[in-house]
Amino acid sequence: MATWRAEVFVNSRVGRINTEVEAATFSGAKEQIYAKHGNVQQIVNLREVSNRASNNSSFDGDVGGSLGLIALLVVIFLVIEYWQWVLGFGIFLLIIWAIATFVKD
């Protein structure tokens, strides 16, 4: 089932409130709002905020951030493990850059 969120104008005494309901469809969400708050006057901006059926895992975190952290740690490991090669390649690139910059035809 999905979680739906909406702004509801109940009546002039209560005013506008934000509510959240669980339903499988849009019309089911409207029925849930009426069941929860009674005969409301207006339902505005009814939208689905999460769908638990599509989330098969309990992890709802930022996967991109985790992958970026893992990539950074792998790069740091490689630089530490192969520092001789990194240093040699860096010096080689520095020499090529110096030749290209300072030696003019």
PDB file of N, CA and C in Angstrom:
ATOM      1  N   MET A   1       0.827  -1.181   0.000  1.00  0.00           N
ATOM      2  CA  MET A   1       0.000   0.000   0.000  1.00  0.00           C
ATOM      3  C   MET A   1       0.871   1.244   0.000  1.00  0.00           C
ATOM      4  N   ALA A   2       0.316   2.305  -0.479  1.00  0.00           N
ATOM      5  CA  ALA A   2       1.052   3.564  -0.607  1.00  0.00           C
ATOM      6  C   ALA A   2       0.606   4.551   0.464  1.00  0.00           C
ATOM      7  N   THR A   3       1.475   5.484   0.757  1.00  0.00           N
ATOM      8  CA  THR A   3       1.148   6.574   1.667  1.00  0.00           C
ATOM      9  C   THR A   3       0.783   7.794   0.838  1.00  0.00           C
ATOM     10  N   TRP A   4      -0.327   8.417   1.158  1.00  0.00           N
ATOM     11  CA  TRP A   4      -0.836   9.584   0.444  1.00  0.00           C
ATOM     12  C   TRP A   4      -0.912  10.753   1.418  1.00  0.00           C
ATOM     13  N   ARG A   5      -0.574  11.942   0.930  1.00  0.00           N
ATOM     14  CA  ARG A   5      -0.601  13.149   1.745  1.00  0.00           C
ATOM     15  C   ARG A   5      -1.469  14.191   1.040  1.00  0.00           C
ATOM     16  N   ALA A   6      -2.224  14.963   1.828  1.00  0.00           N
ATOM     17  CA  ALA A   6      -3.101  15.990   1.250  1.00  0.00           C
ATOM     18  C   ALA A   6      -3.319  17.111   2.259  1.00  0.00           C
ATOM     19  N   GLU A   7      -3.744  18.243   1.723  1.00  0.00           N
ATOM     20  CA  GLU A   7      -4.223  19.347   2.557  1.00  0.00           C
ATOM     21  C   GLU A   7      -5.740  19.269   2.526  1.00  0.00           C
ATOM     22  N   VAL A   8      -6.350  19.322   3.696  1.00  0.00           N
ATOM     23  CA  VAL A   8      -7.799  19.142   3.795  1.00  0.00           C
ATOM     24  C   VAL A   8      -8.391  20.343   4.513  1.00  0.00           C
ATOM     25  N   PHE A   9      -9.440  20.926   3.907  1.00  0.00           N
ATOM     26  CA  PHE A   9     -10.206  21.964   4.586  1.00  0.00           C
ATOM     27  C   PHE A   9     -11.427  21.285   5.177  1.00  0.00           C
ATOM     28  N   VAL A  10     -11.423  21.113   6.512  1.00  0.00           N
ATOM     29  CA  VAL A  10     -12.495  20.367   7.173  1.00  0.00           C
ATOM     30  C   VAL A  10     -13.746  21.224   7.269  1.00  0.00           C
ATOM     31  N   ASN A  11     -13.668  22.331   7.960  1.00  0.00           N
ATOM     32  CA  ASN A  11     -14.769  23.296   8.066  1.00  0.00           C
ATOM     33  C   ASN A  11     -14.199  24.608   8.574  1.00  0.00           C
ATOM     34  N   SER A  12     -15.047  25.594   8.771  1.00  0.00           N
ATOM     35  CA  SER A  12     -14.545  26.910   9.167  1.00  0.00           C
ATOM     36  C   SER A  12     -14.012  26.911  10.599  1.00  0.00           C
ATOM     37  N   ARG A  13     -14.480  26.015  11.455  1.00  0.00           N
ATOM     38  CA  ARG A  13     -13.974  25.954  12.823  1.00  0.00           C
ATOM     39  C   ARG A  13     -12.589  25.303  12.875  1.00  0.00           C
ATOM     40  N   VAL A  14     -12.397  24.220  12.150  1.00  0.00           N
ATOM     41  CA  VAL A  14     -11.127  23.496  12.165  1.00  0.00           C
ATOM     42  C   VAL A  14     -10.125  24.137  11.219  1.00  0.00           C
ATOM     43  N   GLY A  15     -10.580  24.513  10.029  1.00  0.00           N
ATOM     44  CA  GLY A  15      -9.705  25.135   9.051  1.00  0.00           C
ATOM     45  C   GLY A  15      -8.981  24.098   8.203  1.00  0.00           C
ATOM     46  N   ARG A  16      -7.825  24.491   7.686  1.00  0.00           N
ATOM     47  CA  ARG A  16      -7.042  23.629   6.786  1.00  0.00           C
ATOM     48  C   ARG A  16      -6.019  22.850   7.611  1.00  0.00           C
ATOM     49  N   ILE A  17      -5.951  21.522   7.350  1.00  0.00           N
ATOM     50  CA  ILE A  17      -4.996  20.665   8.038  1.00  0.00           C
ATOM     51  C   ILE A  17      -4.268  19.808   7.010  1.00  0.00           C
ATOM     52  N   ASN A  18      -3.105  19.310   7.384  1.00  0.00           N
ATOM     53  CA  ASN A  18      -2.379  18.344   6.565  1.00  0.00           C
ATOM     54  C   ASN A  18      -2.670  16.959   7.123  1.00  0.00           C
ATOM     55  N   THR A  19      -2.914  16.020   6.227  1.00  0.00           N
ATOM     56  CA  THR A  19      -3.215  14.665   6.666  1.00  0.00           C
ATOM     57  C   THR A  19      -2.476  13.655   5.804  1.00  0.00           C
ATOM     58  N   GLU A  20      -2.324  12.464   6.360  1.00  0.00           N
ATOM     59  CA  GLU A  20      -1.638  11.386   5.667  1.00  0.00           C
ATOM     60  C   GLU A  20      -2.445  10.104   5.871  1.00  0.00           C
ATOM     61  N   VAL A  21      -2.673   9.368   4.771  1.00  0.00           N
ATOM     62  CA  VAL A  21      -3.443   8.131   4.835  1.00  0.00           C
ATOM     63  C   VAL A  21      -2.730   7.037   4.067  1.00  0.00           C
ATOM     64  N   GLU A  22      -3.124   5.784   4.328  1.00  0.00           N
ATOM     65  CA  GLU A  22      -2.601   4.621   3.617  1.00  0.00           C
ATOM     66  C   GLU A  22      -3.703   4.088   2.709  1.00  0.00           C
ATOM     67  N   ALA A  23      -3.404   3.968   1.414  1.00  0.00           N
ATOM     68  CA  ALA A  23      -4.369   3.429   0.464  1.00  0.00           C
ATOM     69  C   ALA A  23      -3.639   2.930  -0.765  1.00  0.00           C
ATOM     70  N   ALA A  24      -4.306   2.073  -1.521  1.00  0.00           N
ATOM     71  CA  ALA A  24      -3.689   1.508  -2.718  1.00  0.00           C
ATOM     72  C   ALA A  24      -3.874   2.394  -3.940  1.00  0.00           C
ATOM     73  N   THR A  25      -4.964   3.172  -3.988  1.00  0.00           N
ATOM     74  CA  THR A  25      -5.254   3.998  -5.161  1.00  0.00           C
ATOM     75  C   THR A  25      -5.601   5.417  -4.732  1.00  0.00           C
ATOM     76  N   PHE A  26      -5.705   6.303  -5.733  1.00  0.00           N
ATOM     77  CA  PHE A  26      -6.080   7.694  -5.494  1.00  0.00           C
ATOM     78  C   PHE A  26      -7.481   7.778  -4.885  1.00  0.00           C
ATOM     79  N   SER A  27      -8.432   7.064  -5.484  1.00  0.00           N
ATOM     80  CA  SER A  27      -9.807   7.109  -4.965  1.00  0.00           C
ATOM     81  C   SER A  27      -9.888   6.471  -3.582  1.00  0.00           C
ATOM     82  N   GLY A  28      -9.076   5.439  -3.343  1.00  0.00           N
ATOM     83  CA  GLY A  28      -9.024   4.846  -2.014  1.00  0.00           C
ATOM     84  C   GLY A  28      -8.489   5.818  -0.985  1.00  0.00           C
ATOM     85  N   ALA A  29      -7.521   6.646  -1.391  1.00  0.00           N
ATOM     86  CA  ALA A  29      -6.976   7.661  -0.489  1.00  0.00           C
ATOM     87  C   ALA A  29      -8.037   8.696  -0.137  1.00  0.00           C
ATOM     88  N   LYS A  30      -8.844   9.092  -1.126  1.00  0.00           N
ATOM     89  CA  LYS A  30      -9.930  10.038  -0.844  1.00  0.00           C
ATOM     90  C   LYS A  30     -10.938   9.435   0.135  1.00  0.00           C
ATOM     91  N   GLU A  31     -11.270   8.163  -0.066  1.00  0.00           N
ATOM     92  CA  GLU A  31     -12.196   7.497   0.848  1.00  0.00           C
ATOM     93  C   GLU A  31     -11.626   7.426   2.258  1.00  0.00           C
ATOM     94  N   GLN A  32     -10.323   7.175   2.364  1.00  0.00           N
ATOM     95  CA  GLN A  32      -9.681   7.126   3.671  1.00  0.00           C
ATOM     96  C   GLN A  32      -9.727   8.491   4.363  1.00  0.00           C
ATOM     97  N   ILE A  33      -9.551   9.556   3.587  1.00  0.00           N
ATOM     98  CA  ILE A  33      -9.617  10.909   4.159  1.00  0.00           C
ATOM     99  C   ILE A  33     -11.011  11.181   4.694  1.00  0.00           C
ATOM    100  N   TYR A  34     -12.040  10.819   3.922  1.00  0.00           N
ATOM    101  CA  TYR A  34     -13.420  11.014   4.390  1.00  0.00           C
ATOM    102  C   TYR A  34     -13.695  10.154   5.617  1.00  0.00           C
ATOM    103  N   ALA A  35     -13.160   8.939   5.651  1.00  0.00           N
ATOM    104  CA  ALA A  35     -13.369   8.074   6.813  1.00  0.00           C
ATOM    105  C   ALA A  35     -12.651   8.629   8.042  1.00  0.00           C
ATOM    106  N   LYS A  36     -11.510   9.230   7.844  1.00  0.00           N
ATOM    107  CA  LYS A  36     -10.703   9.739   8.955  1.00  0.00           C
ATOM    108  C   LYS A  36     -11.230  11.068   9.498  1.00  0.00           C
ATOM    109  N   HIS A  37     -11.656  11.976   8.579  1.00  0.00           N
ATOM    110  CA  HIS A  37     -12.006  13.344   8.995  1.00  0.00           C
ATOM    111  C   HIS A  37     -13.472  13.672   8.823  1.00  0.00           C
ATOM    112  N   GLY A  38     -14.285  12.745   8.367  1.00  0.00           N
ATOM    113  CA  GLY A  38     -15.707  13.014   8.189  1.00  0.00           C
ATOM    114  C   GLY A  38     -15.972  13.715   6.866  1.00  0.00           C
ATOM    115  N   ASN A  39     -17.047  14.463   6.816  1.00  0.00           N
ATOM    116  CA  ASN A  39     -17.468  15.144   5.593  1.00  0.00           C
ATOM    117  C   ASN A  39     -16.673  16.442   5.423  1.00  0.00           C
ATOM    118  N   VAL A  40     -15.493  16.340   4.806  1.00  0.00           N
ATOM    119  CA  VAL A  40     -14.636  17.510   4.607  1.00  0.00           C
ATOM    120  C   VAL A  40     -15.166  18.332   3.439  1.00  0.00           C
ATOM    121  N   GLN A  41     -14.841  19.626   3.453  1.00  0.00           N
ATOM    122  CA  GLN A  41     -15.321  20.509   2.394  1.00  0.00           C
ATOM    123  C   GLN A  41     -14.410  20.507   1.173  1.00  0.00           C
ATOM    124  N   GLN A  42     -13.105  20.314   1.376  1.00  0.00           N
ATOM    125  CA  GLN A  42     -12.172  20.403   0.247  1.00  0.00           C
ATOM    126  C   GLN A  42     -10.931  19.558   0.516  1.00  0.00           C
ATOM    127  N   ILE A  43     -10.484  18.835  -0.532  1.00  0.00           N
ATOM    128  CA  ILE A  43      -9.235  18.086  -0.482  1.00  0.00           C
ATOM    129  C   ILE A  43      -8.323  18.685  -1.546  1.00  0.00           C
ATOM    130  N   VAL A  44      -7.151  19.169  -1.131  1.00  0.00           N
ATOM    131  CA  VAL A  44      -6.242  19.858  -2.036  1.00  0.00           C
ATOM    132  C   VAL A  44      -4.902  19.115  -2.060  1.00  0.00           C
ATOM    133  N   ASN A  45      -4.309  19.019  -3.251  1.00  0.00           N
ATOM    134  CA  ASN A  45      -2.954  18.500  -3.424  1.00  0.00           C
ATOM    135  C   ASN A  45      -2.794  17.093  -2.855  1.00  0.00           C
ATOM    136  N   LEU A  46      -3.715  16.212  -3.222  1.00  0.00           N
ATOM    137  CA  LEU A  46      -3.612  14.808  -2.810  1.00  0.00           C
ATOM    138  C   LEU A  46      -2.554  14.143  -3.675  1.00  0.00           C
ATOM    139  N   ARG A  47      -1.499  13.631  -3.030  1.00  0.00           N
ATOM    140  CA  ARG A  47      -0.384  13.062  -3.778  1.00  0.00           C
ATOM    141  C   ARG A  47       0.175  11.855  -3.042  1.00  0.00           C
ATOM    142  N   GLU A  48       0.760  10.955  -3.826  1.00  0.00           N
ATOM    143  CA  GLU A  48       1.404   9.777  -3.273  1.00  0.00           C
ATOM    144  C   GLU A  48       2.819  10.151  -2.855  1.00  0.00           C
ATOM    145  N   VAL A  49       3.164   9.871  -1.611  1.00  0.00           N
ATOM    146  CA  VAL A  49       4.488  10.232  -1.125  1.00  0.00           C
ATOM    147  C   VAL A  49       5.409   9.036  -0.994  1.00  0.00           C
ATOM    148  N   SER A  50       4.869   7.829  -0.885  1.00  0.00           N
ATOM    149  CA  SER A  50       5.708   6.635  -0.889  1.00  0.00           C
ATOM    150  C   SER A  50       4.867   5.439  -1.274  1.00  0.00           C
ATOM    151  N   ASN A  51       5.536   4.486  -1.896  1.00  0.00           N
ATOM    152  CA  ASN A  51       4.868   3.259  -2.301  1.00  0.00           C
ATOM    153  C   ASN A  51       5.642   2.100  -1.701  1.00  0.00           C
ATOM    154  N   ARG A  52       5.114   1.488  -0.671  1.00  0.00           N
ATOM    155  CA  ARG A  52       5.838   0.428   0.033  1.00  0.00           C
ATOM    156  C   ARG A  52       5.966  -0.829  -0.800  1.00  0.00           C
ATOM    157  N   ALA A  53       5.098  -1.031  -1.785  1.00  0.00           N
ATOM    158  CA  ALA A  53       5.188  -2.229  -2.622  1.00  0.00           C
ATOM    159  C   ALA A  53       6.439  -2.196  -3.484  1.00  0.00           C
ATOM    160  N   SER A  54       6.875  -1.006  -3.900  1.00  0.00           N
ATOM    161  CA  SER A  54       8.070  -0.903  -4.744  1.00  0.00           C
ATOM    162  C   SER A  54       9.351  -0.933  -3.931  1.00  0.00           C
ATOM    163  N   ASN A  55       9.269  -0.692  -2.620  1.00  0.00           N
ATOM    164  CA  ASN A  55      10.443  -0.732  -1.754  1.00  0.00           C
ATOM    165  C   ASN A  55      10.542  -2.116  -1.133  1.00  0.00           C
ATOM    166  N   ASN A  56      11.293  -3.003  -1.781  1.00  0.00           N
ATOM    167  CA  ASN A  56      11.414  -4.363  -1.281  1.00  0.00           C
ATOM    168  C   ASN A  56      12.402  -4.482  -0.138  1.00  0.00           C
ATOM    169  N   SER A  57      13.253  -3.506   0.047  1.00  0.00           N
ATOM    170  CA  SER A  57      14.223  -3.561   1.133  1.00  0.00           C
ATOM    171  C   SER A  57      13.840  -2.550   2.199  1.00  0.00           C
ATOM    172  N   SER A  58      14.435  -2.707   3.353  1.00  0.00           N
ATOM    173  CA  SER A  58      14.158  -1.775   4.442  1.00  0.00           C
ATOM    174  C   SER A  58      15.089  -0.571   4.390  1.00  0.00           C
ATOM    175  N   PHE A  59      16.021  -0.539   3.432  1.00  0.00           N
ATOM    176  CA  PHE A  59      16.980   0.557   3.310  1.00  0.00           C
ATOM    177  C   PHE A  59      16.413   1.621   2.393  1.00  0.00           C
ATOM    178  N   ASP A  60      16.185   2.812   2.915  1.00  0.00           N
ATOM    179  CA  ASP A  60      15.661   3.917   2.120  1.00  0.00           C
ATOM    180  C   ASP A  60      16.659   5.063   2.055  1.00  0.00           C
ATOM    181  N   GLY A  61      17.949   4.784   2.197  1.00  0.00           N
ATOM    182  CA  GLY A  61      18.961   5.833   2.247  1.00  0.00           C
ATOM    183  C   GLY A  61      19.388   6.302   0.870  1.00  0.00           C
ATOM    184  N   ASP A  62      20.371   7.184   0.863  1.00  0.00           N
ATOM    185  CA  ASP A  62      20.906   7.747  -0.365  1.00  0.00           C
ATOM    186  C   ASP A  62      21.982   6.818  -0.909  1.00  0.00           C
ATOM    187  N   VAL A  63      21.668   6.069  -1.948  1.00  0.00           N
ATOM    188  CA  VAL A  63      22.602   5.096  -2.516  1.00  0.00           C
ATOM    189  C   VAL A  63      23.747   5.815  -3.228  1.00  0.00           C
ATOM    190  N   GLY A  64      23.475   6.929  -3.889  1.00  0.00           N
ATOM    191  CA  GLY A  64      24.515   7.672  -4.594  1.00  0.00           C
ATOM    192  C   GLY A  64      25.602   8.161  -3.653  1.00  0.00           C
ATOM    193  N   GLY A  65      25.215   8.628  -2.476  1.00  0.00           N
ATOM    194  CA  GLY A  65      26.193   9.069  -1.494  1.00  0.00           C
ATOM    195  C   GLY A  65      27.049   7.922  -0.996  1.00  0.00           C
ATOM    196  N   SER A  66      26.423   6.768  -0.806  1.00  0.00           N
ATOM    197  CA  SER A  66      27.175   5.585  -0.360  1.00  0.00           C
ATOM    198  C   SER A  66      28.160   5.130  -1.424  1.00  0.00           C
ATOM    199  N   LEU A  67      27.730   5.128  -2.675  1.00  0.00           N
ATOM    200  CA  LEU A  67      28.626   4.727  -3.758  1.00  0.00           C
ATOM    201  C   LEU A  67      29.778   5.713  -3.914  1.00  0.00           C
ATOM    202  N   GLY A  68      29.504   6.995  -3.759  1.00  0.00           N
ATOM    203  CA  GLY A  68      30.563   8.000  -3.831  1.00  0.00           C
ATOM    204  C   GLY A  68      31.585   7.828  -2.722  1.00  0.00           C
ATOM    205  N   LEU A  69      31.124   7.522  -1.518  1.00  0.00           N
ATOM    206  CA  LEU A  69      32.037   7.291  -0.401  1.00  0.00           C
ATOM    207  C   LEU A  69      32.893   6.053  -0.641  1.00  0.00           C
ATOM    208  N   ILE A  70      32.277   4.991  -1.141  1.00  0.00           N
ATOM    209  CA  ILE A  70      33.036   3.774  -1.440  1.00  0.00           C
ATOM    210  C   ILE A  70      34.077   4.044  -2.525  1.00  0.00           C
ATOM    211  N   ALA A  71      33.703   4.793  -3.569  1.00  0.00           N
ATOM    212  CA  ALA A  71      34.648   5.116  -4.645  1.00  0.00           C
ATOM    213  C   ALA A  71      35.818   5.941  -4.098  1.00  0.00           C
ATOM    214  N   LEU A  72      35.529   6.892  -3.236  1.00  0.00           N
ATOM    215  CA  LEU A  72      36.590   7.705  -2.635  1.00  0.00           C
ATOM    216  C   LEU A  72      37.536   6.850  -1.802  1.00  0.00           C
ATOM    217  N   LEU A  73      36.984   5.935  -1.028  1.00  0.00           N
ATOM    218  CA  LEU A  73      37.830   5.057  -0.223  1.00  0.00           C
ATOM    219  C   LEU A  73      38.686   4.140  -1.087  1.00  0.00           C
ATOM    220  N   VAL A  74      38.147   3.658  -2.208  1.00  0.00           N
ATOM    221  CA  VAL A  74      38.923   2.817  -3.120  1.00  0.00           C
ATOM    222  C   VAL A  74      40.070   3.619  -3.730  1.00  0.00           C
ATOM    223  N   VAL A  75      39.808   4.858  -4.136  1.00  0.00           N
ATOM    224  CA  VAL A  75      40.858   5.703  -4.714  1.00  0.00           C
ATOM    225  C   VAL A  75      41.948   5.975  -3.670  1.00  0.00           C
ATOM    226  N   ILE A  76      41.549   6.272  -2.444  1.00  0.00           N
ATOM    227  CA  ILE A  76      42.546   6.510  -1.389  1.00  0.00           C
ATOM    228  C   ILE A  76      43.378   5.255  -1.149  1.00  0.00           C
ATOM    229  N   PHE A  77      42.723   4.091  -1.119  1.00  0.00           N
ATOM    230  CA  PHE A  77      43.449   2.833  -0.951  1.00  0.00           C
ATOM    231  C   PHE A  77      44.452   2.618  -2.076  1.00  0.00           C
ATOM    232  N   LEU A  78      44.024   2.866  -3.331  1.00  0.00           N
ATOM    233  CA  LEU A  78      44.925   2.661  -4.462  1.00  0.00           C
ATOM    234  C   LEU A  78      46.109   3.611  -4.431  1.00  0.00           C
ATOM    235  N   VAL A  79      45.885   4.860  -4.041  1.00  0.00           N
ATOM    236  CA  VAL A  79      46.985   5.821  -3.953  1.00  0.00           C
ATOM    237  C   VAL A  79      47.970   5.403  -2.867  1.00  0.00           C
ATOM    238  N   ILE A  80      47.455   4.940  -1.731  1.00  0.00           N
ATOM    239  CA  ILE A  80      48.350   4.506  -0.650  1.00  0.00           C
ATOM    240  C   ILE A  80      49.095   3.228  -1.042  1.00  0.00           C
ATOM    241  N   GLU A  81      48.391   2.299  -1.656  1.00  0.00           N
ATOM    242  CA  GLU A  81      48.996   1.012  -1.993  1.00  0.00           C
ATOM    243  C   GLU A  81      50.021   1.135  -3.118  1.00  0.00           C
ATOM    244  N   TYR A  82      49.728   1.958  -4.098  1.00  0.00           N
ATOM    245  CA  TYR A  82      50.597   2.073  -5.276  1.00  0.00           C
ATOM    246  C   TYR A  82      51.181   3.478  -5.380  1.00  0.00           C
ATOM    247  N   TRP A  83      51.654   4.032  -4.264  1.00  0.00           N
ATOM    248  CA  TRP A  83      52.126   5.398  -4.262  1.00  0.00           C
ATOM    249  C   TRP A  83      53.334   5.588  -5.176  1.00  0.00           C
ATOM    250  N   GLN A  84      54.159   4.562  -5.358  1.00  0.00           N
ATOM    251  CA  GLN A  84      55.315   4.696  -6.228  1.00  0.00           C
ATOM    252  C   GLN A  84      54.866   4.948  -7.670  1.00  0.00           C
ATOM    253  N   TRP A  85      53.872   4.198  -8.108  1.00  0.00           N
ATOM    254  CA  TRP A  85      53.368   4.354  -9.473  1.00  0.00           C
ATOM    255  C   TRP A  85      52.661   5.702  -9.634  1.00  0.00           C
ATOM    256  N   VAL A  86      51.889   6.093  -8.634  1.00  0.00           N
ATOM    257  CA  VAL A  86      51.188   7.381  -8.693  1.00  0.00           C
ATOM    258  C   VAL A  86      52.196   8.522  -8.735  1.00  0.00           C
ATOM    259  N   LEU A  87      53.229   8.453  -7.903  1.00  0.00           N
ATOM    260  CA  LEU A  87      54.261   9.487  -7.878  1.00  0.00           C
ATOM    261  C   LEU A  87      55.021   9.535  -9.201  1.00  0.00           C
ATOM    262  N   GLY A  88      55.394   8.363  -9.727  1.00  0.00           N
ATOM    263  CA  GLY A  88      56.104   8.321 -11.005  1.00  0.00           C
ATOM    264  C   GLY A  88      55.265   8.858 -12.144  1.00  0.00           C
ATOM    265  N   PHE A  89      53.987   8.480 -12.196  1.00  0.00           N
ATOM    266  CA  PHE A  89      53.102   8.967 -13.253  1.00  0.00           C
ATOM    267  C   PHE A  89      52.879  10.469 -13.110  1.00  0.00           C
ATOM    268  N   GLY A  90      52.765  10.954 -11.874  1.00  0.00           N
ATOM    269  CA  GLY A  90      52.609  12.385 -11.642  1.00  0.00           C
ATOM    270  C   GLY A  90      53.816  13.174 -12.097  1.00  0.00           C
ATOM    271  N   ILE A  91      55.009  12.661 -11.805  1.00  0.00           N
ATOM    272  CA  ILE A  91      56.235  13.334 -12.255  1.00  0.00           C
ATOM    273  C   ILE A  91      56.321  13.324 -13.774  1.00  0.00           C
ATOM    274  N   PHE A  92      55.961  12.195 -14.394  1.00  0.00           N
ATOM    275  CA  PHE A  92      55.952  12.105 -15.854  1.00  0.00           C
ATOM    276  C   PHE A  92      55.004  13.148 -16.462  1.00  0.00           C
ATOM    277  N   LEU A  93      53.803  13.268 -15.910  1.00  0.00           N
ATOM    278  CA  LEU A  93      52.855  14.277 -16.414  1.00  0.00           C
ATOM    279  C   LEU A  93      53.375  15.687 -16.187  1.00  0.00           C
ATOM    280  N   LEU A  94      54.039  15.929 -15.059  1.00  0.00           N
ATOM    281  CA  LEU A  94      54.604  17.245 -14.777  1.00  0.00           C
ATOM    282  C   LEU A  94      55.696  17.597 -15.787  1.00  0.00           C
ATOM    283  N   ILE A  95      56.529  16.632 -16.153  1.00  0.00           N
ATOM    284  CA  ILE A  95      57.578  16.871 -17.149  1.00  0.00           C
ATOM    285  C   ILE A  95      56.956  17.165 -18.507  1.00  0.00           C
ATOM    286  N   ILE A  96      55.953  16.402 -18.901  1.00  0.00           N
ATOM    287  CA  ILE A  96      55.269  16.635 -20.187  1.00  0.00           C
ATOM    288  C   ILE A  96      54.634  18.018 -20.198  1.00  0.00           C
ATOM    289  N   TRP A  97      53.995  18.400 -19.091  1.00  0.00           N
ATOM    290  CA  TRP A  97      53.359  19.715 -19.015  1.00  0.00           C
ATOM    291  C   TRP A  97      54.418  20.815 -19.106  1.00  0.00           C
ATOM    292  N   ALA A  98      55.546  20.636 -18.420  1.00  0.00           N
ATOM    293  CA  ALA A  98      56.609  21.647 -18.444  1.00  0.00           C
ATOM    294  C   ALA A  98      57.189  21.778 -19.835  1.00  0.00           C
ATOM    295  N   ILE A  99      57.409  20.680 -20.523  1.00  0.00           N
ATOM    296  CA  ILE A  99      57.933  20.742 -21.896  1.00  0.00           C
ATOM    297  C   ILE A  99      56.954  21.449 -22.813  1.00  0.00           C
ATOM    298  N   ALA A 100      55.666  21.114 -22.687  1.00  0.00           N
ATOM    299  CA  ALA A 100      54.648  21.731 -23.549  1.00  0.00           C
ATOM    300  C   ALA A 100      54.465  23.208 -23.242  1.00  0.00           C
ATOM    301  N   THR A 101      54.670  23.599 -21.999  1.00  0.00           N
ATOM    302  CA  THR A 101      54.437  24.999 -21.622  1.00  0.00           C
ATOM    303  C   THR A 101      55.643  25.883 -21.889  1.00  0.00           C
ATOM    304  N   PHE A 102      56.826  25.432 -21.548  1.00  0.00           N
ATOM    305  CA  PHE A 102      57.993  26.304 -21.577  1.00  0.00           C
ATOM    306  C   PHE A 102      58.831  26.194 -22.870  1.00  0.00           C
ATOM    307  N   VAL A 103      58.691  25.122 -23.586  1.00  0.00           N
ATOM    308  CA  VAL A 103      59.462  24.969 -24.825  1.00  0.00           C
ATOM    309  C   VAL A 103      58.546  25.375 -25.990  1.00  0.00           C
ATOM    310  N   LYS A 104      58.880  26.477 -26.586  1.00  0.00           N
ATOM    311  CA  LYS A 104      58.072  26.991 -27.703  1.00  0.00           C
ATOM    312  C   LYS A 104      58.835  26.744 -28.996  1.00  0.00           C
ATOM    313  N   ASP A 105      58.109  26.388 -30.019  1.00  0.00           N
ATOM    314  CA  ASP A 105      58.743  26.191 -31.331  1.00  0.00           C
ATOM    315  C   ASP A 105      59.048  27.501 -31.991  1.00  0.00           C
TER     316      ASP A 105
END
